[in-house]
N, C-alpha and C. Protein backbone atom coordinates (compact mmCIF):
# COMPACT_ATOMS: atom_id res chain seq x y z
N UNK A 1 -20.43 -5.60 -11.76
CA UNK A 1 -19.86 -6.17 -10.89
C UNK A 1 -20.52 -7.76 -10.39
N UNK A 2 -19.34 -8.72 -10.34
CA UNK A 2 -20.16 -10.04 -10.16
C UNK A 2 -20.33 -9.99 -8.70
N UNK A 3 -21.37 -10.68 -8.32
CA UNK A 3 -21.24 -10.69 -6.83
C UNK A 3 -21.38 -12.52 -6.64
N UNK A 4 -20.40 -12.01 -5.51
CA UNK A 4 -19.69 -13.43 -5.14
C UNK A 4 -20.97 -14.32 -3.91
N UNK A 5 -20.89 -15.51 -4.01
CA UNK A 5 -21.53 -16.49 -3.40
C UNK A 5 -20.54 -16.59 -1.98
N UNK A 6 -20.38 -15.47 -0.95
CA UNK A 6 -19.31 -15.69 0.15
C UNK A 6 -19.70 -16.70 0.66
N UNK A 7 -20.85 -17.94 0.95
CA UNK A 7 -20.97 -18.68 1.69
C UNK A 7 -20.47 -20.13 1.18
N UNK A 8 -20.49 -20.07 -0.47
CA UNK A 8 -20.04 -21.24 -0.99
C UNK A 8 -18.78 -20.97 -1.15
N UNK A 9 -18.00 -19.71 -1.32
CA UNK A 9 -16.80 -19.27 -1.68
C UNK A 9 -15.84 -19.44 -0.35
N UNK A 10 -16.12 -19.37 0.50
CA UNK A 10 -15.93 -19.58 1.66
C UNK A 10 -16.02 -21.38 2.42
N UNK A 11 -16.65 -21.86 1.43
CA UNK A 11 -16.96 -23.24 2.08
C UNK A 11 -15.73 -24.03 2.91
N UNK A 12 -14.59 -24.17 1.48
CA UNK A 12 -13.39 -24.90 1.63
C UNK A 12 -13.08 -24.56 3.09
N UNK A 13 -13.12 -23.09 3.63
CA UNK A 13 -12.12 -22.83 4.71
C UNK A 13 -13.01 -23.52 5.90
N UNK A 14 -14.13 -23.75 6.06
CA UNK A 14 -15.10 -24.01 7.08
C UNK A 14 -15.02 -25.54 7.29
N UNK A 15 -15.34 -26.22 6.00
CA UNK A 15 -14.40 -27.59 6.27
C UNK A 15 -13.43 -27.65 7.03
N UNK A 16 -12.30 -27.40 6.40
CA UNK A 16 -11.28 -27.60 6.71
C UNK A 16 -10.98 -27.19 8.61
N UNK A 17 -11.88 -26.34 8.34
CA UNK A 17 -12.03 -25.71 10.22
C UNK A 17 -12.84 -27.19 10.77
N UNK A 18 -13.71 -27.38 10.54
CA UNK A 18 -14.64 -28.46 10.87
C UNK A 18 -13.69 -29.94 11.36
N UNK A 19 -12.63 -29.99 10.29
CA UNK A 19 -12.07 -30.89 10.31
C UNK A 19 -10.92 -30.92 11.29
N UNK A 20 -10.87 -30.13 11.92
CA UNK A 20 -9.68 -29.56 12.58
C UNK A 20 -8.46 -29.37 12.00
N UNK A 21 -8.43 -29.27 10.63
CA UNK A 21 -7.29 -28.57 9.83
C UNK A 21 -7.50 -27.36 10.17
N UNK A 22 -6.02 -26.89 11.07
CA UNK A 22 -6.33 -25.29 10.98
C UNK A 22 -5.03 -24.87 10.07
N UNK A 23 -3.94 -25.53 9.92
CA UNK A 23 -2.84 -24.71 9.06
C UNK A 23 -3.74 -24.67 7.45
N UNK A 24 -4.07 -25.83 6.95
CA UNK A 24 -4.58 -25.31 5.79
C UNK A 24 -5.56 -24.90 5.86
N UNK A 25 -6.56 -24.79 6.75
CA UNK A 25 -7.79 -23.82 7.10
C UNK A 25 -7.13 -21.65 6.72
N UNK A 26 -6.29 -22.11 8.12
CA UNK A 26 -5.64 -20.42 7.79
C UNK A 26 -5.07 -20.37 6.57
N UNK A 27 -4.37 -21.29 5.91
CA UNK A 27 -3.58 -21.04 4.78
C UNK A 27 -4.64 -20.69 3.61
N UNK A 28 -6.10 -21.27 3.28
CA UNK A 28 -7.18 -21.32 1.94
C UNK A 28 -7.45 -19.94 2.82
N UNK A 29 -7.71 -19.32 4.05
CA UNK A 29 -8.40 -18.17 4.01
C UNK A 29 -7.34 -17.12 3.63
N UNK A 30 -6.09 -17.32 3.73
CA UNK A 30 -5.48 -16.18 3.62
C UNK A 30 -5.62 -16.41 1.88
N UNK A 31 -5.34 -17.38 1.41
CA UNK A 31 -5.35 -17.35 0.28
C UNK A 31 -6.24 -16.67 -0.83
N UNK A 32 -7.53 -16.62 0.16
CA UNK A 32 -8.94 -16.20 -0.34
C UNK A 32 -8.65 -14.92 -0.22
N UNK A 33 -8.33 -13.88 0.81
CA UNK A 33 -8.84 -12.48 1.13
C UNK A 33 -7.33 -12.01 1.58
N UNK A 34 -5.91 -12.58 1.98
CA UNK A 34 -5.01 -12.05 2.25
C UNK A 34 -4.27 -10.38 1.55
N UNK A 35 -4.72 -11.01 0.38
CA UNK A 35 -3.86 -9.76 -0.79
C UNK A 35 -4.98 -8.34 -0.50
N UNK A 36 -6.18 -8.87 -0.83
CA UNK A 36 -7.13 -7.82 -0.14
C UNK A 36 -6.61 -6.86 1.25
N UNK A 37 -7.03 -7.81 2.19
CA UNK A 37 -6.26 -7.68 3.67
C UNK A 37 -5.21 -6.38 3.47
N UNK A 38 -4.01 -6.92 3.19
CA UNK A 38 -2.90 -6.20 2.88
C UNK A 38 -2.84 -4.88 2.06
N UNK A 39 -3.48 -4.77 1.09
CA UNK A 39 -3.90 -3.54 0.34
C UNK A 39 -4.74 -2.59 1.58
N UNK A 40 -5.78 -3.07 2.13
CA UNK A 40 -6.77 -2.30 2.72
C UNK A 40 -5.82 -1.68 3.62
N UNK A 41 -4.98 -2.39 4.82
CA UNK A 41 -4.15 -1.91 5.54
C UNK A 41 -3.13 -0.95 5.63
N UNK A 42 -2.49 -1.40 4.32
CA UNK A 42 -1.71 -0.53 3.54
C UNK A 42 -2.18 1.30 3.29
N UNK A 43 -3.26 1.10 3.04
CA UNK A 43 -4.60 2.20 2.40
C UNK A 43 -4.54 3.11 3.55
N UNK A 44 -4.99 2.32 4.85
CA UNK A 44 -5.48 3.28 5.76
C UNK A 44 -4.07 3.23 6.88
N UNK A 45 -3.21 2.95 7.32
CA UNK A 45 -2.01 2.66 7.79
C UNK A 45 -1.63 3.85 7.37
N UNK A 46 -1.35 4.57 6.18
CA UNK A 46 -0.03 5.17 6.20
C UNK A 46 1.01 5.18 5.98
N UNK A 47 1.92 4.10 6.67
CA UNK A 47 3.09 3.84 7.29
C UNK A 47 3.37 2.48 6.63
N UNK A 48 4.60 1.87 5.67
CA UNK A 48 4.34 0.48 5.19
C UNK A 48 4.75 -0.33 6.40
N UNK A 49 5.57 0.10 7.65
CA UNK A 49 6.14 -0.70 8.49
C UNK A 49 4.80 -1.24 9.97
N UNK A 50 4.05 -0.08 10.14
CA UNK A 50 2.65 -0.37 10.66
C UNK A 50 1.89 -1.22 9.85
N UNK A 51 2.23 -1.03 8.80
CA UNK A 51 0.81 -1.49 8.02
C UNK A 51 1.44 -3.48 7.58
N UNK A 52 3.01 -3.69 7.87
CA UNK A 52 3.26 -4.87 7.61
C UNK A 52 3.19 -5.49 9.09
N UNK A 53 3.28 -4.66 9.96
CA UNK A 53 3.32 -5.45 11.48
C UNK A 53 1.75 -5.49 11.76
N UNK A 54 1.01 -5.07 11.38
CA UNK A 54 -1.02 -5.14 11.57
C UNK A 54 -1.30 -6.16 10.55
N UNK A 55 -0.59 -6.18 9.55
CA UNK A 55 -1.67 -7.44 8.57
C UNK A 55 -0.81 -9.13 9.02
N UNK A 56 0.37 -8.88 10.21
CA UNK A 56 1.38 -10.20 10.70
C UNK A 56 0.11 -10.70 11.76
N UNK A 57 0.01 -9.48 12.31
CA UNK A 57 -1.06 -9.40 13.89
C UNK A 57 -2.55 -10.48 13.44
N UNK A 58 -2.84 -9.97 12.28
CA UNK A 58 -4.00 -9.75 11.35
C UNK A 58 -4.09 -12.06 11.10
N UNK A 59 -3.09 -11.83 10.67
CA UNK A 59 -2.67 -13.35 10.26
C UNK A 59 -2.79 -14.48 11.41
N UNK A 60 -2.11 -13.77 12.61
CA UNK A 60 -2.00 -14.48 14.14
C UNK A 60 -3.66 -14.56 14.51
N UNK A 61 -3.98 -13.54 14.40
CA UNK A 61 -5.33 -13.49 15.31
C UNK A 61 -6.34 -14.35 14.23
N UNK A 62 -6.25 -14.73 12.93
CA UNK A 62 -6.95 -15.49 12.23
C UNK A 62 -6.51 -16.84 12.74
N UNK A 63 -5.27 -16.88 12.77
CA UNK A 63 -5.06 -18.56 13.36
C UNK A 63 -5.14 -18.83 14.74
N UNK A 64 -5.70 -18.15 15.22
CA UNK A 64 -6.01 -18.30 16.84
C UNK A 64 -7.68 -18.11 16.90
N UNK A 65 -8.12 -17.70 16.00
CA UNK A 65 -9.57 -17.52 16.31
C UNK A 65 -10.28 -18.08 15.29
N UNK A 66 -9.53 -19.15 14.53
CA UNK A 66 -10.55 -19.54 13.76
C UNK A 66 -11.38 -20.94 14.31
N UNK A 67 -11.11 -21.66 15.19
CA UNK A 67 -11.50 -22.57 15.99
C UNK A 67 -13.11 -22.07 16.40
N UNK A 68 -13.09 -20.72 16.98
CA UNK A 68 -14.05 -20.39 17.58
C UNK A 68 -14.76 -19.66 16.94
N UNK A 69 -14.87 -19.27 15.35
CA UNK A 69 -15.62 -18.35 14.36
C UNK A 69 -16.96 -19.33 14.53
N UNK A 70 -17.73 -18.42 15.11
CA UNK A 70 -19.14 -19.33 14.50
C UNK A 70 -19.72 -19.01 13.12
N UNK A 71 -18.79 -18.10 12.35
CA UNK A 71 -19.74 -18.09 10.72
C UNK A 71 -21.16 -17.09 10.86
N UNK A 72 -20.90 -16.34 12.19
CA UNK A 72 -22.72 -15.57 11.74
C UNK A 72 -22.38 -14.55 10.91
N UNK A 73 -21.04 -14.02 10.55
CA UNK A 73 -21.22 -13.02 9.23
C UNK A 73 -19.98 -13.86 8.36
N UNK A 74 -19.56 -13.39 7.05
CA UNK A 74 -18.87 -13.50 6.21
C UNK A 74 -17.04 -14.05 6.86
N UNK A 75 -16.27 -14.97 6.26
CA UNK A 75 -15.41 -15.23 6.90
C UNK A 75 -14.54 -13.91 6.20
N UNK A 76 -14.74 -12.69 5.14
CA UNK A 76 -14.03 -12.03 4.67
C UNK A 76 -14.48 -10.75 5.69
N UNK A 77 -15.68 -10.70 5.95
CA UNK A 77 -15.86 -9.34 6.85
C UNK A 77 -15.32 -9.44 8.18
N UNK A 78 -15.18 -10.56 8.85
CA UNK A 78 -14.43 -10.77 10.08
C UNK A 78 -13.01 -10.75 9.76
N UNK A 79 -12.66 -10.93 8.73
CA UNK A 79 -10.96 -10.66 8.55
C UNK A 79 -10.52 -9.20 8.25
N UNK A 80 -11.63 -8.14 7.98
CA UNK A 80 -11.52 -7.17 7.84
C UNK A 80 -11.73 -6.48 9.53
N UNK A 81 -12.48 -6.95 10.20
CA UNK A 81 -12.61 -6.63 11.51
C UNK A 81 -10.97 -7.00 12.63
N UNK A 82 -11.04 -8.01 12.14
CA UNK A 82 -9.62 -8.52 12.65
C UNK A 82 -8.54 -7.21 12.41
N UNK A 83 -8.50 -7.18 11.30
CA UNK A 83 -7.31 -6.33 10.94
C UNK A 83 -7.53 -4.93 11.41
N UNK A 84 -8.36 -4.65 11.29
CA UNK A 84 -9.12 -2.68 11.88
C UNK A 84 -8.60 -3.38 13.05
N UNK A 85 -8.65 -4.28 14.00
CA UNK A 85 -8.42 -4.46 15.44
C UNK A 85 -7.09 -4.50 15.83
N UNK A 86 -6.33 -5.21 14.61
CA UNK A 86 -5.06 -5.24 14.74
C UNK A 86 -4.09 -4.11 14.38
N UNK A 87 -4.63 -3.12 13.82
CA UNK A 87 -4.38 -1.70 13.61
C UNK A 87 -4.16 -0.65 14.54
N UNK A 88 -5.32 -0.66 15.47
CA UNK A 88 -5.75 0.04 16.16
C UNK A 88 -5.10 -0.21 17.14
N UNK A 89 -4.99 -1.68 17.83
CA UNK A 89 -4.03 -2.23 18.78
C UNK A 89 -2.51 -1.27 18.96
N UNK A 90 -2.19 -1.79 18.04
CA UNK A 90 -0.55 -1.61 17.71
C UNK A 90 -0.68 0.18 17.78
N UNK A 91 -1.77 0.60 17.21
CA UNK A 91 -1.44 2.67 17.68
C UNK A 91 -1.55 2.78 18.83
N UNK A 92 -2.40 2.09 19.38
CA UNK A 92 -2.88 2.37 20.56
C UNK A 92 -1.31 1.94 21.71
N UNK A 93 -0.87 1.11 21.51
CA UNK A 93 -0.04 0.52 22.30
C UNK A 93 0.93 -0.03 21.60
N UNK A 94 1.94 0.80 20.77
CA UNK A 94 3.37 0.51 19.99
C UNK A 94 4.08 -0.47 20.64
N UNK A 95 4.32 -1.29 19.87
CA UNK A 95 5.76 -2.19 20.52
C UNK A 95 6.25 -2.51 19.05
N UNK A 96 6.43 -1.53 18.53
CA UNK A 96 7.65 -1.67 16.95
C UNK A 96 9.22 -2.14 17.19
N UNK A 97 9.28 -3.18 16.28
CA UNK A 97 10.32 -4.17 16.04
C UNK A 97 11.02 -3.44 15.07
N UNK A 98 12.69 -3.28 15.40
CA UNK A 98 13.50 -3.05 14.18
C UNK A 98 13.51 -4.20 13.14
N UNK A 99 13.22 -5.76 13.62
CA UNK A 99 13.48 -6.32 12.11
C UNK A 99 11.94 -6.86 12.32
N UNK A 100 11.49 -7.70 11.57
CA UNK A 100 10.19 -7.72 10.60
C UNK A 100 9.08 -8.35 11.90
N UNK A 101 7.94 -8.14 12.12
CA UNK A 101 7.46 -8.64 12.68
C UNK A 101 7.15 -10.51 12.45
N UNK A 102 7.28 -11.28 13.71
CA UNK A 102 7.20 -12.87 13.56
C UNK A 102 6.19 -13.24 14.53
N UNK A 103 4.90 -13.53 13.83
CA UNK A 103 3.84 -13.87 14.77
C UNK A 103 4.06 -15.24 15.36
N UNK A 104 4.66 -15.85 16.56
CA UNK A 104 5.65 -16.92 17.41
C UNK A 104 4.36 -17.91 16.89
N UNK A 105 3.31 -17.99 17.11
CA UNK A 105 2.57 -18.95 17.69
C UNK A 105 1.53 -19.57 16.31
N UNK A 106 1.78 -18.64 14.90
CA UNK A 106 1.38 -18.98 13.51
C UNK A 106 2.15 -19.85 12.65
N UNK A 107 1.81 -21.24 12.28
CA UNK A 107 2.33 -22.10 11.62
C UNK A 107 3.53 -21.47 10.66
N UNK A 108 4.51 -21.99 10.55
CA UNK A 108 5.39 -21.41 10.05
C UNK A 108 5.02 -21.27 8.29
N UNK A 109 4.30 -22.81 7.88
CA UNK A 109 3.95 -22.60 6.34
C UNK A 109 2.75 -21.60 6.20
N UNK A 110 1.98 -21.11 6.96
CA UNK A 110 0.88 -20.26 6.99
C UNK A 110 1.80 -18.76 6.70
N UNK A 111 2.81 -18.91 7.88
CA UNK A 111 3.08 -17.43 7.71
C UNK A 111 4.04 -17.30 6.48
N UNK A 112 4.69 -18.07 6.19
CA UNK A 112 5.41 -18.15 4.68
C UNK A 112 4.50 -17.19 3.70
N UNK A 113 3.45 -18.41 3.49
CA UNK A 113 2.20 -18.05 2.46
C UNK A 113 1.63 -16.66 2.25
N UNK A 114 1.37 -16.48 3.88
CA UNK A 114 0.81 -14.84 3.87
C UNK A 114 2.09 -13.68 3.56
N UNK A 115 2.99 -13.93 3.62
CA UNK A 115 4.31 -13.36 3.21
C UNK A 115 4.40 -12.90 2.24
N UNK A 116 4.28 -14.04 1.40
CA UNK A 116 4.65 -13.88 -0.45
C UNK A 116 3.27 -13.24 -0.96
N UNK A 117 1.89 -13.50 -0.34
CA UNK A 117 0.83 -12.78 -1.02
C UNK A 117 1.17 -11.16 -0.51
N UNK A 118 1.41 -10.86 0.90
CA UNK A 118 1.22 -9.77 0.96
C UNK A 118 2.62 -8.87 0.22
N UNK A 119 3.48 -9.54 0.04
CA UNK A 119 5.02 -8.86 -0.90
C UNK A 119 4.29 -8.59 -1.81
N UNK A 120 3.68 -9.71 -2.75
CA UNK A 120 3.17 -9.60 -4.34
C UNK A 120 2.37 -8.63 -4.05
N UNK A 121 1.39 -8.45 -2.96
CA UNK A 121 0.30 -7.21 -3.29
C UNK A 121 0.95 -5.67 -2.76
N UNK A 122 1.55 -5.79 -2.22
CA UNK A 122 2.60 -4.04 -1.84
C UNK A 122 3.61 -4.05 -3.30
N UNK A 123 4.02 -4.92 -3.97
CA UNK A 123 4.43 -4.71 -5.14
C UNK A 123 3.53 -3.95 -6.40
N UNK A 124 2.51 -5.17 -6.83
CA UNK A 124 1.65 -4.34 -7.65
C UNK A 124 0.86 -3.17 -7.19
N UNK A 125 1.04 -2.94 -5.94
CA UNK A 125 0.53 -1.79 -5.16
C UNK A 125 1.55 -0.81 -5.83
N UNK A 126 2.51 -0.69 -5.82
CA UNK A 126 3.61 0.25 -5.86
C UNK A 126 3.09 0.36 -7.67
N UNK A 127 3.25 -0.64 -8.35
CA UNK A 127 2.82 -0.31 -9.62
C UNK A 127 2.27 0.28 -10.23
N UNK A 128 0.93 0.14 -9.59
CA UNK A 128 0.40 0.72 -10.02
C UNK A 128 -0.10 2.05 -9.59
N UNK A 129 0.70 2.23 -8.37
CA UNK A 129 0.44 3.92 -8.02
C UNK A 129 1.45 4.73 -9.08
N UNK A 130 2.84 3.87 -9.06
CA UNK A 130 3.83 4.67 -10.19
C UNK A 130 3.50 5.14 -11.70
N UNK A 131 2.41 3.75 -11.85
CA UNK A 131 1.79 4.17 -13.45
C UNK A 131 0.91 5.29 -13.13
N UNK A 132 0.20 5.42 -12.53
CA UNK A 132 -0.66 6.60 -11.96
C UNK A 132 -0.20 7.69 -12.09
N UNK A 133 0.96 8.09 -10.99
CA UNK A 133 1.57 9.49 -10.72
C UNK A 133 2.17 9.43 -12.25
N UNK A 134 2.75 8.46 -12.86
CA UNK A 134 3.81 8.60 -14.58
C UNK A 134 2.47 9.08 -15.41
N UNK A 135 0.84 8.60 -15.16
CA UNK A 135 -0.04 9.25 -16.24
C UNK A 135 0.08 10.77 -15.99
N UNK A 136 -0.58 11.30 -14.73
CA UNK A 136 -0.69 12.42 -14.19
C UNK A 136 0.38 13.56 -14.63
N UNK A 137 1.46 12.70 -14.42
CA UNK A 137 2.65 13.95 -14.94
C UNK A 137 2.82 14.24 -16.54
N UNK A 138 2.53 13.19 -17.25
CA UNK A 138 2.31 13.17 -18.54
C UNK A 138 1.09 13.98 -18.73
N UNK A 139 0.25 14.64 -17.96
CA UNK A 139 -0.89 15.53 -18.07
C UNK A 139 -0.57 16.60 -17.97
N UNK A 140 0.47 17.21 -16.94
CA UNK A 140 1.10 18.34 -16.90
C UNK A 140 1.42 18.80 -18.35
N UNK A 141 1.70 20.23 -18.17
CA UNK A 141 2.18 21.30 -19.33
C UNK A 141 3.45 20.66 -19.30
N UNK A 142 3.92 20.53 -20.97
CA UNK A 142 4.85 19.89 -21.22
C UNK A 142 6.50 20.11 -20.65
N UNK A 143 6.14 21.80 -20.57
CA UNK A 143 7.63 22.22 -19.34
C UNK A 143 7.52 21.85 -18.08
N UNK A 144 6.50 21.44 -17.23
CA UNK A 144 6.29 20.93 -16.13
C UNK A 144 7.05 19.98 -15.95
N UNK A 145 6.22 18.68 -16.35
CA UNK A 145 6.88 17.27 -16.91
C UNK A 145 8.02 17.15 -17.13
N UNK A 146 8.68 17.83 -18.20
CA UNK A 146 10.35 17.78 -18.30
C UNK A 146 10.67 18.15 -16.82
N UNK A 147 10.37 19.45 -16.40
CA UNK A 147 11.20 19.86 -15.30
C UNK A 147 11.10 19.09 -14.10
N UNK A 148 10.00 18.31 -14.01
CA UNK A 148 9.89 17.18 -12.91
C UNK A 148 11.13 16.13 -13.30
N UNK A 149 11.29 15.76 -14.66
CA UNK A 149 11.74 14.72 -15.12
C UNK A 149 13.09 14.90 -14.33
N UNK A 150 13.75 15.74 -14.88
CA UNK A 150 15.01 16.22 -14.79
C UNK A 150 15.55 16.72 -13.19
N UNK A 151 14.59 17.17 -12.58
CA UNK A 151 14.97 17.66 -11.34
C UNK A 151 14.39 16.28 -10.41
N UNK A 152 13.71 15.16 -10.55
CA UNK A 152 13.56 14.15 -9.36
C UNK A 152 14.03 13.04 -10.04
N UNK A 153 13.66 12.74 -11.48
CA UNK A 153 14.16 11.21 -12.06
C UNK A 153 15.78 11.72 -12.39
N UNK A 154 16.16 12.66 -12.70
CA UNK A 154 17.57 12.33 -13.45
C UNK A 154 18.57 13.21 -12.22
N UNK A 155 18.24 13.55 -11.28
CA UNK A 155 18.69 14.13 -10.11
C UNK A 155 19.53 15.33 -10.45
N UNK A 156 19.02 16.25 -11.35
CA UNK A 156 20.23 17.41 -11.64
C UNK A 156 20.11 18.18 -10.70
N UNK A 157 20.98 19.31 -10.58
CA UNK A 157 21.19 20.46 -9.92
C UNK A 157 20.84 21.46 -10.70
N UNK A 158 20.28 22.46 -9.32
CA UNK A 158 19.05 23.40 -10.26
C UNK A 158 20.19 24.30 -11.16
N UNK A 159 21.29 24.73 -11.06
CA UNK A 159 21.82 25.14 -12.11
C UNK A 159 21.98 24.26 -13.79
N UNK A 160 22.59 22.94 -13.16
CA UNK A 160 22.04 21.97 -14.10
C UNK A 160 21.09 22.00 -15.12
N UNK A 161 19.62 22.24 -14.02
CA UNK A 161 18.15 21.95 -14.81
C UNK A 161 18.62 23.31 -15.41
N UNK A 162 18.41 24.38 -15.20
CA UNK A 162 18.67 26.15 -15.73
C UNK A 162 19.44 25.69 -16.80
N UNK A 163 20.86 25.36 -16.98
CA UNK A 163 21.10 25.12 -18.60
C UNK A 163 20.78 24.04 -19.06
N UNK A 164 20.16 22.87 -18.69
CA UNK A 164 19.26 22.04 -19.79
C UNK A 164 17.73 22.94 -20.20
N UNK A 165 17.37 23.77 -19.48
CA UNK A 165 16.03 24.78 -19.95
C UNK A 165 16.26 25.64 -20.11
N UNK A 166 17.00 26.66 -20.87
CA UNK A 166 17.14 27.78 -20.82
C UNK A 166 16.08 28.48 -21.52
N UNK A 167 16.29 29.94 -20.67
CA UNK A 167 14.86 30.79 -20.91
C UNK A 167 14.97 31.26 -22.22
N UNK A 168 14.26 32.09 -22.58
CA UNK A 168 14.33 33.23 -23.95
C UNK A 168 14.89 34.32 -24.07
N UNK A 169 15.28 35.01 -22.71
CA UNK A 169 16.17 35.92 -22.18
C UNK A 169 17.44 35.95 -21.76
N UNK A 170 18.18 36.83 -20.91
CA UNK A 170 19.44 37.13 -20.85
C UNK A 170 19.88 36.88 -19.60
N UNK A 171 18.75 36.29 -19.14
CA UNK A 171 19.09 35.84 -17.41
C UNK A 171 19.81 35.06 -17.51
N UNK A 172 20.40 35.56 -16.03
CA UNK A 172 22.02 34.57 -15.97
C UNK A 172 21.37 33.09 -15.26
N UNK A 173 22.42 32.15 -15.20
CA UNK A 173 21.81 30.77 -14.58
C UNK A 173 21.06 30.63 -13.59
N UNK A 174 21.77 31.55 -12.25
CA UNK A 174 20.91 31.48 -10.95
C UNK A 174 19.80 32.07 -11.12
N UNK A 175 19.80 33.36 -11.72
CA UNK A 175 18.40 33.56 -11.92
C UNK A 175 17.31 32.89 -12.69
N UNK A 176 17.64 32.11 -13.47
CA UNK A 176 16.68 31.03 -14.38
C UNK A 176 16.74 29.77 -13.27
N UNK A 177 17.58 29.35 -12.73
CA UNK A 177 17.54 28.42 -11.58
C UNK A 177 15.83 28.44 -10.35
N UNK A 178 16.37 29.78 -9.89
CA UNK A 178 15.30 30.26 -9.21
C UNK A 178 13.79 30.31 -9.45
N UNK A 179 14.11 30.95 -11.16
CA UNK A 179 12.35 30.74 -11.83
C UNK A 179 12.12 29.55 -11.78
N UNK A 180 12.92 28.70 -12.03
CA UNK A 180 12.55 27.06 -12.29
C UNK A 180 12.03 26.62 -11.08
N UNK A 181 12.96 26.93 -9.85
CA UNK A 181 12.84 26.06 -8.78
C UNK A 181 11.31 26.39 -7.91
N UNK A 182 10.72 28.00 -8.30
CA UNK A 182 9.41 28.23 -7.93
C UNK A 182 8.41 27.44 -8.96
N UNK A 183 8.81 27.66 -10.20
CA UNK A 183 7.78 26.52 -11.00
C UNK A 183 7.58 25.25 -10.65
N UNK A 184 8.94 24.47 -10.24
CA UNK A 184 8.94 23.16 -9.95
C UNK A 184 7.94 23.39 -8.25
N UNK A 185 8.21 23.90 -8.08
CA UNK A 185 7.04 23.70 -6.42
C UNK A 185 5.95 23.80 -6.25
N UNK A 186 5.47 24.50 -7.85
CA UNK A 186 4.03 24.88 -8.47
C UNK A 186 3.29 23.54 -9.25
N UNK A 187 4.35 22.48 -9.80
CA UNK A 187 4.46 21.84 -10.84
C UNK A 187 3.73 20.99 -9.11
N UNK A 188 4.56 20.58 -8.38
CA UNK A 188 4.89 19.44 -7.59
C UNK A 188 3.49 19.84 -6.61
N UNK A 189 2.67 21.08 -6.27
CA UNK A 189 1.47 21.03 -5.72
C UNK A 189 0.49 20.85 -6.57
N UNK A 190 0.56 21.07 -8.02
CA UNK A 190 -0.61 20.67 -8.54
C UNK A 190 -0.33 19.02 -8.49
N UNK A 191 0.49 18.35 -9.00
CA UNK A 191 0.78 16.89 -9.00
C UNK A 191 -0.06 16.69 -7.50
N UNK A 192 0.35 16.78 -6.24
CA UNK A 192 -0.04 16.32 -5.05
C UNK A 192 -1.60 16.44 -5.12
N UNK A 193 -2.11 17.98 -5.42
CA UNK A 193 -3.65 18.35 -5.93
C UNK A 193 -4.22 16.83 -6.66
N UNK A 194 -3.66 16.73 -7.67
CA UNK A 194 -4.66 15.66 -8.56
C UNK A 194 -4.16 14.22 -7.98
N UNK A 195 -2.96 14.14 -7.66
CA UNK A 195 -2.98 12.78 -6.94
C UNK A 195 -4.21 12.42 -5.67
N UNK A 196 -4.16 13.74 -5.18
CA UNK A 196 -5.02 13.32 -3.86
C UNK A 196 -6.41 13.14 -4.45
N UNK A 197 -7.06 13.88 -5.62
CA UNK A 197 -8.19 13.56 -5.87
C UNK A 197 -8.51 12.23 -6.83
N UNK A 198 -7.21 11.57 -7.23
CA UNK A 198 -7.60 10.46 -8.14
C UNK A 198 -7.59 9.22 -6.61
N UNK A 199 -7.07 9.74 -5.19
CA UNK A 199 -7.14 8.56 -4.27
C UNK A 199 -5.94 8.20 -4.40
N UNK A 200 -4.98 8.62 -4.75
CA UNK A 200 -3.12 7.95 -5.01
C UNK A 200 -2.90 8.35 -3.70
N UNK A 201 -2.97 9.71 -3.26
CA UNK A 201 -2.34 9.69 -2.02
C UNK A 201 -3.44 10.46 -1.03
N UNK A 202 -3.24 10.40 0.32
CA UNK A 202 -4.23 11.01 1.16
C UNK A 202 -4.48 12.29 0.71
N UNK A 203 -5.55 13.19 1.14
CA UNK A 203 -5.99 14.86 0.72
C UNK A 203 -5.15 15.11 1.99
N UNK A 204 -4.32 15.95 2.07
CA UNK A 204 -3.92 16.89 3.31
C UNK A 204 -4.78 18.00 3.65
């Protein structure tokens, strides 16, 4: 694993703050760490709207706090502390909005760049999760995998699933559908267990 020299890595941000160019400093800080902060908040919030708002609040807190930041820790560590504090404040005193949260004190170009990074990060995370879930499903018993595809991906009714996956016996379509439904629930439970073990979803 490559060890990053945070002092050198963050020096451009520190220089911009010293020069009084807070817009470029905040943008540079978000360029460095916005993606990992967004993914961190989405992981611990377990609520996309809450994570999105906490990310926006974090960016505003960064903007406001940069002039007074004393660099006693790395910028990265400070940003994680800001993110956790933003999330906890919203949980304690939620003022949730129906529209997207836009910090009024944050320079528009900083907010726009922060949103670009957040959106890209979330889309990448969704793709990663989808790919991992697909791999987990493919590792299931082939009949279970087929059952999940027909029911979840193809959105077939249980009668349609039973007709597409007929049994070996003479059972009726309704009876076959009931059997497959129970098997489907077991397969879903197993899939959730495997996903929790891989850290894709939170353990219940």
